[in-house]
Amino acid sequence: MIPTEELLRKAVLTVISDTPDFGGAAQAPLSIEQVTQFIELMQAEQVMLKEARTVTSSASKWQESIIDFGVRIARPGTESTRLSSGDRVIPSTGLVEISTVLIRGEVPVSDETFEDNVARAGLANTLERMIADQFGFDIEDLFVNGDTASADTYLAQIDGWLKQAKNDTGNNAFDASSYAQDYQEIFKQLLIRMPKRFLRGLKASGRYYVPVTLEQKYRDLLATRGTALGDFMLTQGGDLAYQGILIKGAPSFDSGIVAGTPDTCSVLLTWPQNLYAGYHRAMKFETYRDPREGVTSFVITARVDAEVAVVKATTLAYSVNVEP
């Protein structure tokens, strides 16, 4: 993995110096190579973005092809005879449509902040790294919790991964309020509801995505057991799993916790590569100093979208109790 500092140097060319300039744009939009590096930088500290399938395009709206076999393709064979037309299986094909929306962040920093800070130009590097990390978290928040019916105008831009999984017309999504805090049973129900054809490989690469709050509560529940596992969870931590499938706590899921009596959340079971993170390549990370205000603004602009490739390959529990 490329170190964060190296990614920052490749993605952003800082021009802030000890001598203020006369205003205007301090750097050009990112090149395609810099966009790739900057996306990696944004993803570096996020839980889901770095595991999801990253797709990019020079268009603001495009389609990604998917292909799958949903049925058996093997048949009894006869020597020197091809299979009959009824025994030949054509793969199922489909398209994932990525339609990006515009997001922008602006961070103004006064000249005095740079002048008074001992790091001076080094402060710009720190700010760029922090802005990239926060912008990456904000994108993951949108991808996870996006809901066009939300009162939050930022989250209302798209339907995110959870909303798309919840909208499934089958029984893949279910209300888990009746299970209280029996998280093991909830994990079990998510696995039971996963269509059998998608069970292959779940232990190798599947994920239970949960809020960090739920992950901590589940660890505490395991720690109360008078077993070696309980002692390990209490003293060592380590990866959590249910039936061999990793349980990953994602802070972006905590952002989606619904306050109430009790507080509730969602838990998602799927493959990370079934979650598409789409980025338009015309991404910008610019600095602009306005001498009239004595402020240098760090401005980041992107167009993004989130899609679930195969909704049937997800199961979702909602209204899960995470009351303290």
C-alpha atoms as a PDB file:
ATOM      1  CA  MET A   1       0.000   0.000   0.000  1.00  0.00           C
ATOM      2  CA  ILE A   2       1.309   3.449  -0.957  1.00  0.00           C
ATOM      3  CA  PRO A   3       2.014   5.600   2.125  1.00  0.00           C
ATOM      4  CA  THR A   4      -0.433   8.464   2.692  1.00  0.00           C
ATOM      5  CA  GLU A   5       2.282  11.109   2.453  1.00  0.00           C
ATOM      6  CA  GLU A   6       3.398   9.801  -0.942  1.00  0.00           C
ATOM      7  CA  LEU A   7      -0.184   9.784  -2.198  1.00  0.00           C
ATOM      8  CA  LEU A   8      -0.550  13.383  -1.042  1.00  0.00           C
ATOM      9  CA  ARG A   9       2.602  14.470  -2.879  1.00  0.00           C
ATOM     10  CA  LYS A  10       1.430  12.792  -6.073  1.00  0.00           C
ATOM     11  CA  ALA A  11      -2.151  14.005  -5.898  1.00  0.00           C
ATOM     12  CA  VAL A  12      -1.753  17.604  -4.745  1.00  0.00           C
ATOM     13  CA  LEU A  13       0.967  20.079  -5.668  1.00  0.00           C
ATOM     14  CA  THR A  14       0.983  22.599  -2.818  1.00  0.00           C
ATOM     15  CA  VAL A  15       2.029  26.107  -3.783  1.00  0.00           C
ATOM     16  CA  ILE A  16       1.425  27.951  -0.504  1.00  0.00           C
ATOM     17  CA  SER A  17       4.690  29.563   0.528  1.00  0.00           C
ATOM     18  CA  ASP A  18       6.002  32.012   3.099  1.00  0.00           C
ATOM     19  CA  THR A  19       5.444  34.823   0.580  1.00  0.00           C
ATOM     20  CA  PRO A  20       1.764  35.526  -0.149  1.00  0.00           C
ATOM     21  CA  ASP A  21       0.859  35.713  -3.828  1.00  0.00           C
ATOM     22  CA  PHE A  22      -1.358  38.312  -5.459  1.00  0.00           C
ATOM     23  CA  GLY A  23      -4.492  36.222  -5.480  1.00  0.00           C
ATOM     24  CA  GLY A  24      -6.087  33.987  -8.042  1.00  0.00           C
ATOM     25  CA  ALA A  25      -6.080  30.242  -8.530  1.00  0.00           C
ATOM     26  CA  ALA A  26      -2.963  28.724  -7.038  1.00  0.00           C
ATOM     27  CA  GLN A  27      -3.124  25.405  -8.885  1.00  0.00           C
ATOM     28  CA  ALA A  28      -4.774  23.751 -11.857  1.00  0.00           C
ATOM     29  CA  PRO A  29      -7.414  21.001 -11.702  1.00  0.00           C
ATOM     30  CA  LEU A  30      -6.029  17.547 -11.050  1.00  0.00           C
ATOM     31  CA  SER A  31      -4.778  15.494 -13.971  1.00  0.00           C
ATOM     32  CA  ILE A  32      -6.240  12.021 -14.560  1.00  0.00           C
ATOM     33  CA  GLU A  33      -3.220  10.495 -12.805  1.00  0.00           C
ATOM     34  CA  GLN A  34      -3.614  12.863  -9.862  1.00  0.00           C
ATOM     35  CA  VAL A  35      -7.340  12.071  -9.652  1.00  0.00           C
ATOM     36  CA  THR A  36      -6.489   8.373  -9.319  1.00  0.00           C
ATOM     37  CA  GLN A  37      -4.002   9.109  -6.561  1.00  0.00           C
ATOM     38  CA  PHE A  38      -6.384  11.508  -4.819  1.00  0.00           C
ATOM     39  CA  ILE A  39      -9.197   8.938  -4.809  1.00  0.00           C
ATOM     40  CA  GLU A  40      -6.782   6.493  -3.171  1.00  0.00           C
ATOM     41  CA  LEU A  41      -5.870   9.181  -0.648  1.00  0.00           C
ATOM     42  CA  MET A  42      -9.533   9.827   0.193  1.00  0.00           C
ATOM     43  CA  GLN A  43     -10.176   6.101   0.537  1.00  0.00           C
ATOM     44  CA  ALA A  44      -7.080   5.329   2.621  1.00  0.00           C
ATOM     45  CA  GLU A  45      -8.641   5.823   6.068  1.00  0.00           C
ATOM     46  CA  GLN A  46     -12.225   4.867   5.188  1.00  0.00           C
ATOM     47  CA  VAL A  47     -13.679   1.420   5.917  1.00  0.00           C
ATOM     48  CA  MET A  48     -15.968   0.850   2.937  1.00  0.00           C
ATOM     49  CA  LEU A  49     -14.590   3.122   0.216  1.00  0.00           C
ATOM     50  CA  LYS A  50     -11.281   1.274   0.084  1.00  0.00           C
ATOM     51  CA  GLU A  51     -13.076  -2.092  -0.239  1.00  0.00           C
ATOM     52  CA  ALA A  52     -15.848  -1.094  -2.665  1.00  0.00           C
ATOM     53  CA  ARG A  53     -15.403  -1.340  -6.436  1.00  0.00           C
ATOM     54  CA  THR A  54     -14.022   1.990  -7.684  1.00  0.00           C
ATOM     55  CA  VAL A  55     -15.134   3.006 -11.189  1.00  0.00           C
ATOM     56  CA  THR A  56     -14.291   6.236 -12.995  1.00  0.00           C
ATOM     57  CA  SER A  57     -15.209   7.876 -16.279  1.00  0.00           C
ATOM     58  CA  SER A  58     -14.673  11.095 -18.190  1.00  0.00           C
ATOM     59  CA  ALA A  59     -18.477  11.243 -18.565  1.00  0.00           C
ATOM     60  CA  SER A  60     -20.811  12.370 -15.795  1.00  0.00           C
ATOM     61  CA  LYS A  61     -23.155   9.465 -16.557  1.00  0.00           C
ATOM     62  CA  TRP A  62     -22.126   6.044 -17.807  1.00  0.00           C
ATOM     63  CA  GLN A  63     -22.826   2.321 -17.594  1.00  0.00           C
ATOM     64  CA  GLU A  64     -20.773  -0.560 -16.224  1.00  0.00           C
ATOM     65  CA  SER A  65     -21.366  -4.056 -17.599  1.00  0.00           C
ATOM     66  CA  ILE A  66     -21.956  -7.039 -15.315  1.00  0.00           C
ATOM     67  CA  ILE A  67     -22.200 -10.714 -16.222  1.00  0.00           C
ATOM     68  CA  ASP A  68     -23.373 -13.671 -14.154  1.00  0.00           C
ATOM     69  CA  PHE A  69     -24.559 -17.274 -14.248  1.00  0.00           C
ATOM     70  CA  GLY A  70     -27.664 -17.842 -12.150  1.00  0.00           C
ATOM     71  CA  VAL A  71     -28.237 -21.493 -13.063  1.00  0.00           C
ATOM     72  CA  ARG A  72     -26.334 -24.741 -13.606  1.00  0.00           C
ATOM     73  CA  ILE A  73     -24.397 -24.890 -16.882  1.00  0.00           C
ATOM     74  CA  ALA A  74     -23.152 -28.496 -16.657  1.00  0.00           C
ATOM     75  CA  ARG A  75     -25.096 -31.250 -18.444  1.00  0.00           C
ATOM     76  CA  PRO A  76     -24.525 -34.962 -19.143  1.00  0.00           C
ATOM     77  CA  GLY A  77     -22.153 -35.239 -22.073  1.00  0.00           C
ATOM     78  CA  THR A  78     -22.082 -37.554 -25.094  1.00  0.00           C
ATOM     79  CA  GLU A  79     -18.836 -38.274 -26.923  1.00  0.00           C
ATOM     80  CA  SER A  80     -18.416 -36.327 -30.173  1.00  0.00           C
ATOM     81  CA  THR A  81     -21.788 -34.659 -29.716  1.00  0.00           C
ATOM     82  CA  ARG A  82     -22.424 -31.070 -28.808  1.00  0.00           C
ATOM     83  CA  LEU A  83     -25.103 -30.177 -26.317  1.00  0.00           C
ATOM     84  CA  SER A  84     -28.588 -29.544 -27.631  1.00  0.00           C
ATOM     85  CA  SER A  85     -29.717 -25.950 -27.870  1.00  0.00           C
ATOM     86  CA  GLY A  86     -31.928 -26.396 -24.806  1.00  0.00           C
ATOM     87  CA  ASP A  87     -28.911 -27.428 -22.710  1.00  0.00           C
ATOM     88  CA  ARG A  88     -26.725 -24.488 -23.637  1.00  0.00           C
ATOM     89  CA  VAL A  89     -26.739 -21.726 -21.022  1.00  0.00           C
ATOM     90  CA  ILE A  90     -26.261 -18.100 -21.935  1.00  0.00           C
ATOM     91  CA  PRO A  91     -24.826 -15.914 -19.160  1.00  0.00           C
ATOM     92  CA  SER A  92     -27.031 -13.245 -17.708  1.00  0.00           C
ATOM     93  CA  THR A  93     -25.802  -9.767 -18.527  1.00  0.00           C
ATOM     94  CA  GLY A  94     -26.762  -6.419 -17.134  1.00  0.00           C
ATOM     95  CA  LEU A  95     -25.743  -2.835 -16.745  1.00  0.00           C
ATOM     96  CA  VAL A  96     -25.017  -0.732 -13.689  1.00  0.00           C
ATOM     97  CA  GLU A  97     -25.833   2.889 -14.444  1.00  0.00           C
ATOM     98  CA  ILE A  98     -23.648   5.483 -12.747  1.00  0.00           C
ATOM     99  CA  SER A  99     -25.179   8.975 -12.672  1.00  0.00           C
ATOM    100  CA  THR A 100     -22.997  11.345 -10.690  1.00  0.00           C
ATOM    101  CA  VAL A 101     -24.034  14.339  -8.605  1.00  0.00           C
ATOM    102  CA  LEU A 102     -21.938  17.397  -7.819  1.00  0.00           C
ATOM    103  CA  ILE A 103     -20.426  17.901  -4.370  1.00  0.00           C
ATOM    104  CA  ARG A 104     -18.070  20.645  -3.249  1.00  0.00           C
ATOM    105  CA  GLY A 105     -16.162  21.650  -0.136  1.00  0.00           C
ATOM    106  CA  GLU A 106     -14.519  24.982   0.678  1.00  0.00           C
ATOM    107  CA  VAL A 107     -12.172  25.582   3.615  1.00  0.00           C
ATOM    108  CA  PRO A 108     -11.042  29.220   4.087  1.00  0.00           C
ATOM    109  CA  VAL A 109      -7.858  29.811   6.119  1.00  0.00           C
ATOM    110  CA  SER A 110      -6.688  33.315   7.043  1.00  0.00           C
ATOM    111  CA  ASP A 111      -3.216  34.685   6.241  1.00  0.00           C
ATOM    112  CA  GLU A 112      -2.671  35.179   9.964  1.00  0.00           C
ATOM    113  CA  THR A 113      -3.181  31.472  10.592  1.00  0.00           C
ATOM    114  CA  PHE A 114      -0.309  30.679   8.222  1.00  0.00           C
ATOM    115  CA  GLU A 115       1.846  33.518   9.546  1.00  0.00           C
ATOM    116  CA  ASP A 116       1.378  32.586  13.199  1.00  0.00           C
ATOM    117  CA  ASN A 117       1.739  28.832  12.765  1.00  0.00           C
ATOM    118  CA  VAL A 118       5.257  27.498  13.292  1.00  0.00           C
ATOM    119  CA  ALA A 119       4.769  24.990  10.459  1.00  0.00           C
ATOM    120  CA  ARG A 120       3.939  27.789   7.938  1.00  0.00           C
ATOM    121  CA  ALA A 121       4.018  26.069   4.506  1.00  0.00           C
ATOM    122  CA  GLY A 122       3.896  22.707   6.273  1.00  0.00           C
ATOM    123  CA  LEU A 123       0.481  23.672   7.596  1.00  0.00           C
ATOM    124  CA  ALA A 124      -0.860  23.603   4.037  1.00  0.00           C
ATOM    125  CA  ASN A 125       0.273  19.997   3.655  1.00  0.00           C
ATOM    126  CA  THR A 126      -1.437  19.082   6.913  1.00  0.00           C
ATOM    127  CA  LEU A 127      -4.628  20.843   5.871  1.00  0.00           C
ATOM    128  CA  GLU A 128      -4.661  19.136   2.473  1.00  0.00           C
ATOM    129  CA  ARG A 129      -4.272  15.726   4.069  1.00  0.00           C
ATOM    130  CA  MET A 130      -7.025  16.434   6.611  1.00  0.00           C
ATOM    131  CA  ILE A 131      -9.360  17.849   3.938  1.00  0.00           C
ATOM    132  CA  ALA A 132      -8.829  14.811   1.708  1.00  0.00           C
ATOM    133  CA  ASP A 133      -9.559  12.458   4.620  1.00  0.00           C
ATOM    134  CA  GLN A 134     -12.715  14.322   5.694  1.00  0.00           C
ATOM    135  CA  PHE A 135     -13.931  14.635   2.107  1.00  0.00           C
ATOM    136  CA  GLY A 136     -13.456  10.875   1.719  1.00  0.00           C
ATOM    137  CA  PHE A 137     -15.502  10.248   4.862  1.00  0.00           C
ATOM    138  CA  ASP A 138     -18.213  12.610   3.614  1.00  0.00           C
ATOM    139  CA  ILE A 139     -18.383  10.679   0.334  1.00  0.00           C
ATOM    140  CA  GLU A 140     -18.666   7.363   2.194  1.00  0.00           C
ATOM    141  CA  ASP A 141     -21.398   8.895   4.367  1.00  0.00           C
ATOM    142  CA  LEU A 142     -23.312   9.849   1.204  1.00  0.00           C
ATOM    143  CA  PHE A 143     -22.751   6.433  -0.389  1.00  0.00           C
ATOM    144  CA  VAL A 144     -23.949   4.609   2.747  1.00  0.00           C
ATOM    145  CA  ASN A 145     -26.736   6.869   4.035  1.00  0.00           C
ATOM    146  CA  GLY A 146     -27.883   8.681   0.892  1.00  0.00           C
ATOM    147  CA  ASP A 147     -31.679   8.866   0.687  1.00  0.00           C
ATOM    148  CA  THR A 148     -33.558  11.079  -1.747  1.00  0.00           C
ATOM    149  CA  ALA A 149     -36.340  11.356   0.847  1.00  0.00           C
ATOM    150  CA  SER A 150     -33.958  12.704   3.506  1.00  0.00           C
ATOM    151  CA  ALA A 151     -34.409  16.131   5.066  1.00  0.00           C
ATOM    152  CA  ASP A 152     -30.616  16.491   4.890  1.00  0.00           C
ATOM    153  CA  THR A 153     -29.991  18.173   1.527  1.00  0.00           C
ATOM    154  CA  TYR A 154     -26.545  16.586   1.196  1.00  0.00           C
ATOM    155  CA  LEU A 155     -27.807  13.039   1.784  1.00  0.00           C
ATOM    156  CA  ALA A 156     -30.884  13.677  -0.383  1.00  0.00           C
ATOM    157  CA  GLN A 157     -28.763  13.844  -3.550  1.00  0.00           C
ATOM    158  CA  ILE A 158     -28.782  10.069  -4.158  1.00  0.00           C
ATOM    159  CA  ASP A 159     -30.094   6.793  -2.794  1.00  0.00           C
ATOM    160  CA  GLY A 160     -27.074   5.129  -1.191  1.00  0.00           C
ATOM    161  CA  TRP A 161     -26.168   1.479  -0.739  1.00  0.00           C
ATOM    162  CA  LEU A 162     -28.426   0.948   2.293  1.00  0.00           C
ATOM    163  CA  LYS A 163     -31.475   2.541   0.664  1.00  0.00           C
ATOM    164  CA  GLN A 164     -30.977   0.481  -2.497  1.00  0.00           C
ATOM    165  CA  ALA A 165     -30.663  -2.730  -0.471  1.00  0.00           C
ATOM    166  CA  LYS A 166     -33.742  -1.849   1.587  1.00  0.00           C
ATOM    167  CA  ASN A 167     -35.780  -1.196  -1.560  1.00  0.00           C
ATOM    168  CA  ASP A 168     -35.318  -4.806  -2.710  1.00  0.00           C
ATOM    169  CA  THR A 169     -38.711  -6.312  -3.512  1.00  0.00           C
ATOM    170  CA  GLY A 170     -37.760  -9.757  -2.159  1.00  0.00           C
ATOM    171  CA  ASN A 171     -37.257 -10.789   1.465  1.00  0.00           C
ATOM    172  CA  ASN A 172     -33.597  -9.737   1.531  1.00  0.00           C
ATOM    173  CA  ALA A 173     -34.378  -6.743   3.758  1.00  0.00           C
ATOM    174  CA  PHE A 174     -36.162  -7.206   7.078  1.00  0.00           C
ATOM    175  CA  ASP A 175     -37.201  -5.337  10.199  1.00  0.00           C
ATOM    176  CA  ALA A 176     -34.963  -6.536  13.048  1.00  0.00           C
ATOM    177  CA  SER A 177     -36.689  -4.655  15.873  1.00  0.00           C
ATOM    178  CA  SER A 178     -38.101  -7.885  17.333  1.00  0.00           C
ATOM    179  CA  TYR A 179     -34.595  -9.300  17.868  1.00  0.00           C
ATOM    180  CA  ALA A 180     -33.648  -6.578  20.384  1.00  0.00           C
ATOM    181  CA  GLN A 181     -29.862  -6.777  20.875  1.00  0.00           C
ATOM    182  CA  ASP A 182     -29.497 -10.428  19.894  1.00  0.00           C
ATOM    183  CA  TYR A 183     -26.909  -9.532  17.262  1.00  0.00           C
ATOM    184  CA  GLN A 184     -25.855 -13.115  16.707  1.00  0.00           C
ATOM    185  CA  GLU A 185     -29.422 -13.975  15.678  1.00  0.00           C
ATOM    186  CA  ILE A 186     -29.509 -10.949  13.396  1.00  0.00           C
ATOM    187  CA  PHE A 187     -26.290 -12.077  11.704  1.00  0.00           C
ATOM    188  CA  LYS A 188     -27.830 -15.523  11.338  1.00  0.00           C
ATOM    189  CA  GLN A 189     -31.009 -14.150   9.768  1.00  0.00           C
ATOM    190  CA  LEU A 190     -28.997 -12.082   7.300  1.00  0.00           C
ATOM    191  CA  LEU A 191     -27.137 -15.216   6.248  1.00  0.00           C
ATOM    192  CA  ILE A 192     -30.338 -17.288   5.978  1.00  0.00           C
ATOM    193  CA  ARG A 193     -31.934 -14.677   3.743  1.00  0.00           C
ATOM    194  CA  MET A 194     -28.980 -14.513   1.352  1.00  0.00           C
ATOM    195  CA  PRO A 195     -29.957 -16.397  -1.847  1.00  0.00           C
ATOM    196  CA  LYS A 196     -28.102 -19.700  -1.977  1.00  0.00           C
ATOM    197  CA  ARG A 197     -26.433 -18.897  -5.282  1.00  0.00           C
ATOM    198  CA  PHE A 198     -24.616 -16.001  -3.613  1.00  0.00           C
ATOM    199  CA  LEU A 199     -23.333 -17.941  -0.597  1.00  0.00           C
ATOM    200  CA  ARG A 200     -20.224 -19.142  -2.399  1.00  0.00           C
ATOM    201  CA  GLY A 201     -17.198 -17.097  -1.427  1.00  0.00           C
ATOM    202  CA  LEU A 202     -18.909 -15.188   1.374  1.00  0.00           C
ATOM    203  CA  LYS A 203     -16.466 -16.550   3.950  1.00  0.00           C
ATOM    204  CA  ALA A 204     -13.535 -15.529   1.778  1.00  0.00           C
ATOM    205  CA  SER A 205     -14.629 -12.022   0.819  1.00  0.00           C
ATOM    206  CA  GLY A 206     -18.067 -11.214   2.264  1.00  0.00           C
ATOM    207  CA  ARG A 207     -18.655  -8.580   4.943  1.00  0.00           C
ATOM    208  CA  TYR A 208     -21.149  -7.771   7.641  1.00  0.00           C
ATOM    209  CA  TYR A 209     -21.010  -3.971   7.701  1.00  0.00           C
ATOM    210  CA  VAL A 210     -22.187  -2.520  11.016  1.00  0.00           C
ATOM    211  CA  PRO A 211     -21.872   0.733  12.992  1.00  0.00           C
ATOM    212  CA  VAL A 212     -18.780   0.937  15.189  1.00  0.00           C
ATOM    213  CA  THR A 213     -21.218   1.311  18.103  1.00  0.00           C
ATOM    214  CA  LEU A 214     -22.726  -2.104  17.359  1.00  0.00           C
ATOM    215  CA  GLU A 215     -19.296  -3.661  16.838  1.00  0.00           C
ATOM    216  CA  GLN A 216     -18.213  -2.456  20.282  1.00  0.00           C
ATOM    217  CA  LYS A 217     -21.420  -3.697  21.910  1.00  0.00           C
ATOM    218  CA  TYR A 218     -21.034  -7.116  20.267  1.00  0.00           C
ATOM    219  CA  ARG A 219     -17.421  -7.321  21.478  1.00  0.00           C
ATOM    220  CA  ASP A 220     -18.586  -6.543  25.010  1.00  0.00           C
ATOM    221  CA  LEU A 221     -21.251  -9.241  24.794  1.00  0.00           C
ATOM    222  CA  LEU A 222     -18.674 -11.788  23.670  1.00  0.00           C
ATOM    223  CA  ALA A 223     -16.297 -10.651  26.423  1.00  0.00           C
ATOM    224  CA  THR A 224     -18.849 -11.532  29.102  1.00  0.00           C
ATOM    225  CA  ARG A 225     -18.618 -15.202  28.155  1.00  0.00           C
ATOM    226  CA  GLY A 226     -16.427 -17.317  30.401  1.00  0.00           C
ATOM    227  CA  THR A 227     -14.498 -18.687  27.436  1.00  0.00           C
ATOM    228  CA  ALA A 228     -11.145 -18.199  25.737  1.00  0.00           C
ATOM    229  CA  LEU A 229     -12.916 -16.155  23.061  1.00  0.00           C
ATOM    230  CA  GLY A 230     -14.440 -13.925  25.746  1.00  0.00           C
ATOM    231  CA  ASP A 231     -11.029 -13.337  27.326  1.00  0.00           C
ATOM    232  CA  PHE A 232      -9.506 -12.605  23.914  1.00  0.00           C
ATOM    233  CA  MET A 233     -12.199 -10.052  23.038  1.00  0.00           C
ATOM    234  CA  LEU A 234     -11.695  -8.370  26.407  1.00  0.00           C
ATOM    235  CA  THR A 235      -7.907  -8.173  26.303  1.00  0.00           C
ATOM    236  CA  GLN A 236      -6.760  -8.437  22.688  1.00  0.00           C
ATOM    237  CA  GLY A 237      -9.567  -7.455  20.334  1.00  0.00           C
ATOM    238  CA  GLY A 238      -8.885  -8.735  16.819  1.00  0.00           C
ATOM    239  CA  ASP A 239     -11.225  -9.327  13.898  1.00  0.00           C
ATOM    240  CA  LEU A 240     -14.833 -10.220  14.564  1.00  0.00           C
ATOM    241  CA  ALA A 241     -16.623 -12.796  12.445  1.00  0.00           C
ATOM    242  CA  TYR A 242     -19.850 -14.756  12.291  1.00  0.00           C
ATOM    243  CA  GLN A 243     -19.615 -18.196  10.659  1.00  0.00           C
ATOM    244  CA  GLY A 244     -16.315 -17.120   9.123  1.00  0.00           C
ATOM    245  CA  ILE A 245     -17.648 -13.875   7.590  1.00  0.00           C
ATOM    246  CA  LEU A 246     -15.899 -10.719   8.786  1.00  0.00           C
ATOM    247  CA  ILE A 247     -17.845  -8.132  10.783  1.00  0.00           C
ATOM    248  CA  LYS A 248     -16.575  -4.646   9.935  1.00  0.00           C
ATOM    249  CA  GLY A 249     -17.451  -1.570  11.975  1.00  0.00           C
ATOM    250  CA  ALA A 250     -17.831   1.521   9.764  1.00  0.00           C
ATOM    251  CA  PRO A 251     -18.128   5.020  11.286  1.00  0.00           C
ATOM    252  CA  SER A 252     -20.307   6.037   8.322  1.00  0.00           C
ATOM    253  CA  PHE A 253     -22.935   3.570   9.600  1.00  0.00           C
ATOM    254  CA  ASP A 254     -22.886   5.399  12.944  1.00  0.00           C
ATOM    255  CA  SER A 255     -23.759   8.597  11.059  1.00  0.00           C
ATOM    256  CA  GLY A 256     -26.947   6.838   9.988  1.00  0.00           C
ATOM    257  CA  ILE A 257     -28.064   5.799  13.475  1.00  0.00           C
ATOM    258  CA  VAL A 258     -31.640   6.959  14.035  1.00  0.00           C
ATOM    259  CA  ALA A 259     -32.205   8.469  17.474  1.00  0.00           C
ATOM    260  CA  GLY A 260     -35.260   7.162  19.247  1.00  0.00           C
ATOM    261  CA  THR A 261     -36.466   4.723  21.873  1.00  0.00           C
ATOM    262  CA  PRO A 262     -34.363   2.755  21.190  1.00  0.00           C
ATOM    263  CA  ASP A 263     -31.689   4.122  18.855  1.00  0.00           C
ATOM    264  CA  THR A 264     -31.654   2.002  15.700  1.00  0.00           C
ATOM    265  CA  CYS A 265     -29.312   1.252  12.817  1.00  0.00           C
ATOM    266  CA  SER A 266     -28.860  -0.984   9.788  1.00  0.00           C
ATOM    267  CA  VAL A 267     -26.597  -4.010   9.197  1.00  0.00           C
ATOM    268  CA  LEU A 268     -25.597  -4.998   5.664  1.00  0.00           C
ATOM    269  CA  LEU A 269     -24.285  -8.351   4.411  1.00  0.00           C
ATOM    270  CA  THR A 270     -22.714  -8.397   0.940  1.00  0.00           C
ATOM    271  CA  TRP A 271     -19.461  -8.510  -1.013  1.00  0.00           C
ATOM    272  CA  PRO A 272     -17.562  -5.206  -1.045  1.00  0.00           C
ATOM    273  CA  GLN A 273     -17.085  -5.544  -4.810  1.00  0.00           C
ATOM    274  CA  ASN A 274     -20.872  -5.576  -5.209  1.00  0.00           C
ATOM    275  CA  LEU A 275     -20.841  -1.944  -4.058  1.00  0.00           C
ATOM    276  CA  TYR A 276     -19.874   0.509  -6.797  1.00  0.00           C
ATOM    277  CA  ALA A 277     -18.238   3.856  -5.976  1.00  0.00           C
ATOM    278  CA  GLY A 278     -18.385   6.025  -9.090  1.00  0.00           C
ATOM    279  CA  TYR A 279     -16.259   9.112  -9.698  1.00  0.00           C
ATOM    280  CA  HIS A 280     -16.202  11.567 -12.581  1.00  0.00           C
ATOM    281  CA  ARG A 281     -12.561  12.131 -13.550  1.00  0.00           C
ATOM    282  CA  ALA A 282     -12.933  15.931 -13.674  1.00  0.00           C
ATOM    283  CA  MET A 283     -12.081  16.221  -9.977  1.00  0.00           C
ATOM    284  CA  LYS A 284     -10.475  19.385  -8.648  1.00  0.00           C
ATOM    285  CA  PHE A 285      -8.529  20.261  -5.511  1.00  0.00           C
ATOM    286  CA  GLU A 286      -7.540  23.896  -5.763  1.00  0.00           C
ATOM    287  CA  THR A 287      -6.275  26.706  -3.602  1.00  0.00           C
ATOM    288  CA  TYR A 288      -7.343  30.299  -4.108  1.00  0.00           C
ATOM    289  CA  ARG A 289      -6.043  33.308  -2.216  1.00  0.00           C
ATOM    290  CA  ASP A 290      -8.097  36.490  -2.167  1.00  0.00           C
ATOM    291  CA  PRO A 291      -5.898  39.357  -0.875  1.00  0.00           C
ATOM    292  CA  ARG A 292      -9.004  41.498  -0.296  1.00  0.00           C
ATOM    293  CA  GLU A 293     -10.105  39.085   2.422  1.00  0.00           C
ATOM    294  CA  GLY A 294      -6.645  37.910   3.440  1.00  0.00           C
ATOM    295  CA  VAL A 295      -7.859  34.317   3.092  1.00  0.00           C
ATOM    296  CA  THR A 296      -6.649  31.269   1.204  1.00  0.00           C
ATOM    297  CA  SER A 297      -9.451  28.869   0.365  1.00  0.00           C
ATOM    298  CA  PHE A 298      -8.961  25.163  -0.237  1.00  0.00           C
ATOM    299  CA  VAL A 299     -11.690  24.155  -2.690  1.00  0.00           C
ATOM    300  CA  ILE A 300     -12.457  20.544  -3.584  1.00  0.00           C
ATOM    301  CA  THR A 301     -14.992  19.584  -6.251  1.00  0.00           C
ATOM    302  CA  ALA A 302     -16.161  16.140  -7.361  1.00  0.00           C
ATOM    303  CA  ARG A 303     -19.039  14.336  -9.046  1.00  0.00           C
ATOM    304  CA  VAL A 304     -19.887  10.978  -7.492  1.00  0.00           C
ATOM    305  CA  ASP A 305     -22.474   8.213  -7.357  1.00  0.00           C
ATOM    306  CA  ALA A 306     -23.063   4.954  -5.467  1.00  0.00           C
ATOM    307  CA  GLU A 307     -24.731   1.852  -6.895  1.00  0.00           C
ATOM    308  CA  VAL A 308     -25.347  -1.717  -5.786  1.00  0.00           C
ATOM    309  CA  ALA A 309     -24.517  -3.932  -8.765  1.00  0.00           C
ATOM    310  CA  VAL A 310     -26.695  -6.917  -7.799  1.00  0.00           C
ATOM    311  CA  VAL A 311     -29.217  -6.000  -5.114  1.00  0.00           C
ATOM    312  CA  LYS A 312     -30.206  -9.673  -4.713  1.00  0.00           C
ATOM    313  CA  ALA A 313     -26.638 -10.321  -3.515  1.00  0.00           C
ATOM    314  CA  THR A 314     -27.257  -8.178  -0.425  1.00  0.00           C
ATOM    315  CA  THR A 315     -29.242  -8.732   2.752  1.00  0.00           C
ATOM    316  CA  LEU A 316     -30.146  -5.913   5.085  1.00  0.00           C
ATOM    317  CA  ALA A 317     -31.411  -5.741   8.652  1.00  0.00           C
ATOM    318  CA  TYR A 318     -32.923  -2.378   9.611  1.00  0.00           C
ATOM    319  CA  SER A 319     -34.325  -1.024  12.893  1.00  0.00           C
ATOM    320  CA  VAL A 320     -31.544  -2.874  14.746  1.00  0.00           C
ATOM    321  CA  ASN A 321     -31.380  -1.899  18.426  1.00  0.00           C
ATOM    322  CA  VAL A 322     -28.138  -0.099  19.352  1.00  0.00           C
ATOM    323  CA  GLU A 323     -29.397   1.499  22.557  1.00  0.00           C
ATOM    324  CA  PRO A 324     -26.497   2.109  25.017  1.00  0.00           C
END
